[in-house]
Amino acid sequence: MLHHLAFVKLRHWEHEIRELSAQALAVLSVFNPTLVVDKILTPLLALCFNKTLHVRHGALLGVSEIIIGLSGNSVQHRQRVLEKAFKTLSLKERNLIKEETDNQKAFQTMYAKISACNYLDECIPVGSTQRN
């Protein structure tokens, strides 16, 4: 899913899709920060210099949102992502999502704990060539 968001959806011709994809990367990056830094962030950095405008824009959005997510600030973005996504859902779909189950509560507790950590220091040590 991370790979698809980073290398397919961030290249989408529609800017809203690129923005939502980048925000989703911020939210999801905390689940496997090492993979995100090694396999997603590094190639996205190279795409920031692509000659195609929408590819370059998506890469810049992706890099910035991943850094926000890995820095422990993805909780703030999660609400914004959900609000944008809710606009496209029907009333029935919105009611299903708002319904709180035990699994949702457990996930929210787990996510709040892992998303508050700063993974940048862990994944990109101070003084490394990736950080400069």
Protein backbone atom coordinates (compact mmCIF):
# COMPACT_ATOMS: atom_id res chain seq x y z
CA MET A 1 0.00 0.00 0.00
CA LEU A 2 2.83 2.40 0.88
CA HIS A 3 4.56 1.70 -2.41
CA HIS A 4 1.35 2.26 -4.38
CA LEU A 5 0.63 5.54 -2.61
CA ALA A 6 4.20 6.78 -3.08
CA PHE A 7 4.88 5.74 -6.65
CA VAL A 8 1.45 5.62 -8.29
CA LYS A 9 -0.93 7.96 -6.48
CA LEU A 10 1.63 10.71 -5.86
CA ARG A 11 2.04 10.91 -9.66
CA HIS A 12 -1.69 11.30 -10.30
CA TRP A 13 -2.70 14.16 -12.60
CA GLU A 14 -5.26 15.45 -10.08
CA HIS A 15 -3.70 17.48 -7.26
CA GLU A 16 -6.30 16.40 -4.66
CA ILE A 17 -5.31 12.76 -5.15
CA ARG A 18 -1.65 13.68 -4.68
CA GLU A 19 -2.46 15.61 -1.49
CA LEU A 20 -4.58 12.82 0.01
CA SER A 21 -1.94 10.24 -0.90
CA ALA A 22 0.79 12.26 0.78
CA GLN A 23 -1.33 12.71 3.90
CA ALA A 24 -2.07 8.99 3.96
CA LEU A 25 1.67 8.33 3.79
CA ALA A 26 2.14 10.53 6.88
CA VAL A 27 -0.45 8.52 8.77
CA LEU A 28 0.81 5.10 7.61
CA SER A 29 4.55 5.76 7.88
CA VAL A 30 4.60 5.11 11.63
CA PHE A 31 3.75 1.43 11.16
CA ASN A 32 7.10 0.63 9.51
CA PRO A 33 9.38 3.67 9.70
CA THR A 34 12.53 1.82 8.61
CA LEU A 35 10.88 0.57 5.42
CA VAL A 36 9.50 4.02 4.70
CA VAL A 37 12.91 5.66 5.04
CA ASP A 38 14.81 2.97 3.11
CA LYS A 39 12.38 2.09 0.31
CA ILE A 40 10.09 5.12 -0.06
CA LEU A 41 11.72 8.31 1.20
CA THR A 42 15.04 7.89 -0.64
CA PRO A 43 13.48 7.29 -4.10
CA LEU A 44 10.95 10.10 -3.50
CA LEU A 45 13.81 12.50 -2.81
CA ALA A 46 15.21 11.73 -6.26
CA LEU A 47 11.77 12.37 -7.81
CA CYS A 48 11.74 15.87 -6.31
CA PHE A 49 13.97 16.87 -9.24
CA ASN A 50 11.86 15.23 -11.97
CA LYS A 51 11.14 17.38 -15.02
CA THR A 52 7.43 16.55 -14.98
CA LEU A 53 5.58 19.03 -12.78
CA HIS A 54 2.96 16.70 -11.28
CA VAL A 55 5.58 14.05 -10.47
CA ARG A 56 7.80 16.64 -8.79
CA HIS A 57 4.85 18.11 -6.87
CA GLY A 58 3.72 14.68 -5.65
CA ALA A 59 7.24 13.77 -4.57
CA LEU A 60 7.63 17.02 -2.62
CA LEU A 61 4.27 16.48 -0.92
CA GLY A 62 5.17 12.87 -0.13
CA VAL A 63 8.56 13.72 1.35
CA SER A 64 7.16 16.52 3.49
CA GLU A 65 4.24 14.47 4.80
CA ILE A 66 6.44 11.44 5.54
CA ILE A 67 8.76 13.64 7.59
CA ILE A 68 5.79 15.05 9.47
CA GLY A 69 4.50 11.54 10.14
CA LEU A 70 7.86 10.18 11.26
CA SER A 71 8.45 13.15 13.53
CA GLY A 72 5.47 12.18 15.69
CA ASN A 73 3.00 14.70 14.32
CA SER A 74 0.80 12.43 12.19
CA VAL A 75 -2.05 12.53 14.72
CA GLN A 76 -2.70 16.14 13.75
CA HIS A 77 -2.89 15.18 10.08
CA ARG A 78 -5.11 12.14 10.64
CA GLN A 79 -8.16 14.28 11.40
CA ARG A 80 -7.59 16.42 8.30
CA VAL A 81 -7.26 13.33 6.10
CA LEU A 82 -10.48 11.88 7.52
CA GLU A 83 -12.39 15.10 7.00
CA LYS A 84 -11.38 15.24 3.33
CA ALA A 85 -12.23 11.57 2.83
CA PHE A 86 -15.64 11.96 4.52
CA LYS A 87 -16.67 14.51 1.90
CA THR A 88 -16.75 11.79 -0.76
CA LEU A 89 -18.71 9.21 1.27
CA SER A 90 -22.44 8.61 1.32
CA LEU A 91 -24.43 9.07 4.53
CA LYS A 92 -24.61 5.29 5.02
CA GLU A 93 -20.83 4.96 4.66
CA ARG A 94 -20.24 7.83 7.09
CA ASN A 95 -22.47 6.20 9.71
CA LEU A 96 -20.57 2.91 9.36
CA ILE A 97 -17.26 4.64 9.96
CA LYS A 98 -18.50 6.69 12.91
CA GLU A 99 -19.79 3.55 14.63
CA GLU A 100 -17.26 2.73 17.36
CA THR A 101 -16.42 -0.93 17.84
CA ASP A 102 -14.01 -2.56 20.26
CA ASN A 103 -11.55 -3.11 17.42
CA GLN A 104 -11.66 0.56 16.45
CA LYS A 105 -11.07 1.64 20.04
CA ALA A 106 -8.15 -0.77 20.38
CA PHE A 107 -6.65 0.45 17.11
CA GLN A 108 -7.09 4.11 18.06
CA THR A 109 -5.30 3.49 21.36
CA MET A 110 -2.45 1.63 19.65
CA TYR A 111 -2.17 4.22 16.88
CA ALA A 112 -2.10 7.13 19.33
CA LYS A 113 0.80 5.47 21.13
CA ILE A 114 2.94 4.65 18.08
CA SER A 115 2.21 7.82 16.14
CA ALA A 116 3.38 10.08 18.97
CA CYS A 117 6.95 8.75 18.75
CA ASN A 118 9.69 10.56 16.87
CA TYR A 119 11.09 7.95 14.48
CA LEU A 120 13.38 10.35 12.63
CA ASP A 121 16.21 9.99 15.15
CA GLU A 122 15.84 6.21 15.08
CA CYS A 123 15.73 5.84 11.29
CA ILE A 124 18.01 8.70 10.26
CA PRO A 125 20.77 9.20 12.83
CA VAL A 126 22.13 12.71 13.38
CA GLY A 127 25.15 13.29 11.17
CA SER A 128 24.21 10.66 8.55
CA THR A 129 24.34 11.57 4.88
CA GLN A 130 20.58 10.97 4.60
CA ARG A 131 19.84 13.66 7.15
CA ASN A 132 21.98 16.41 5.61
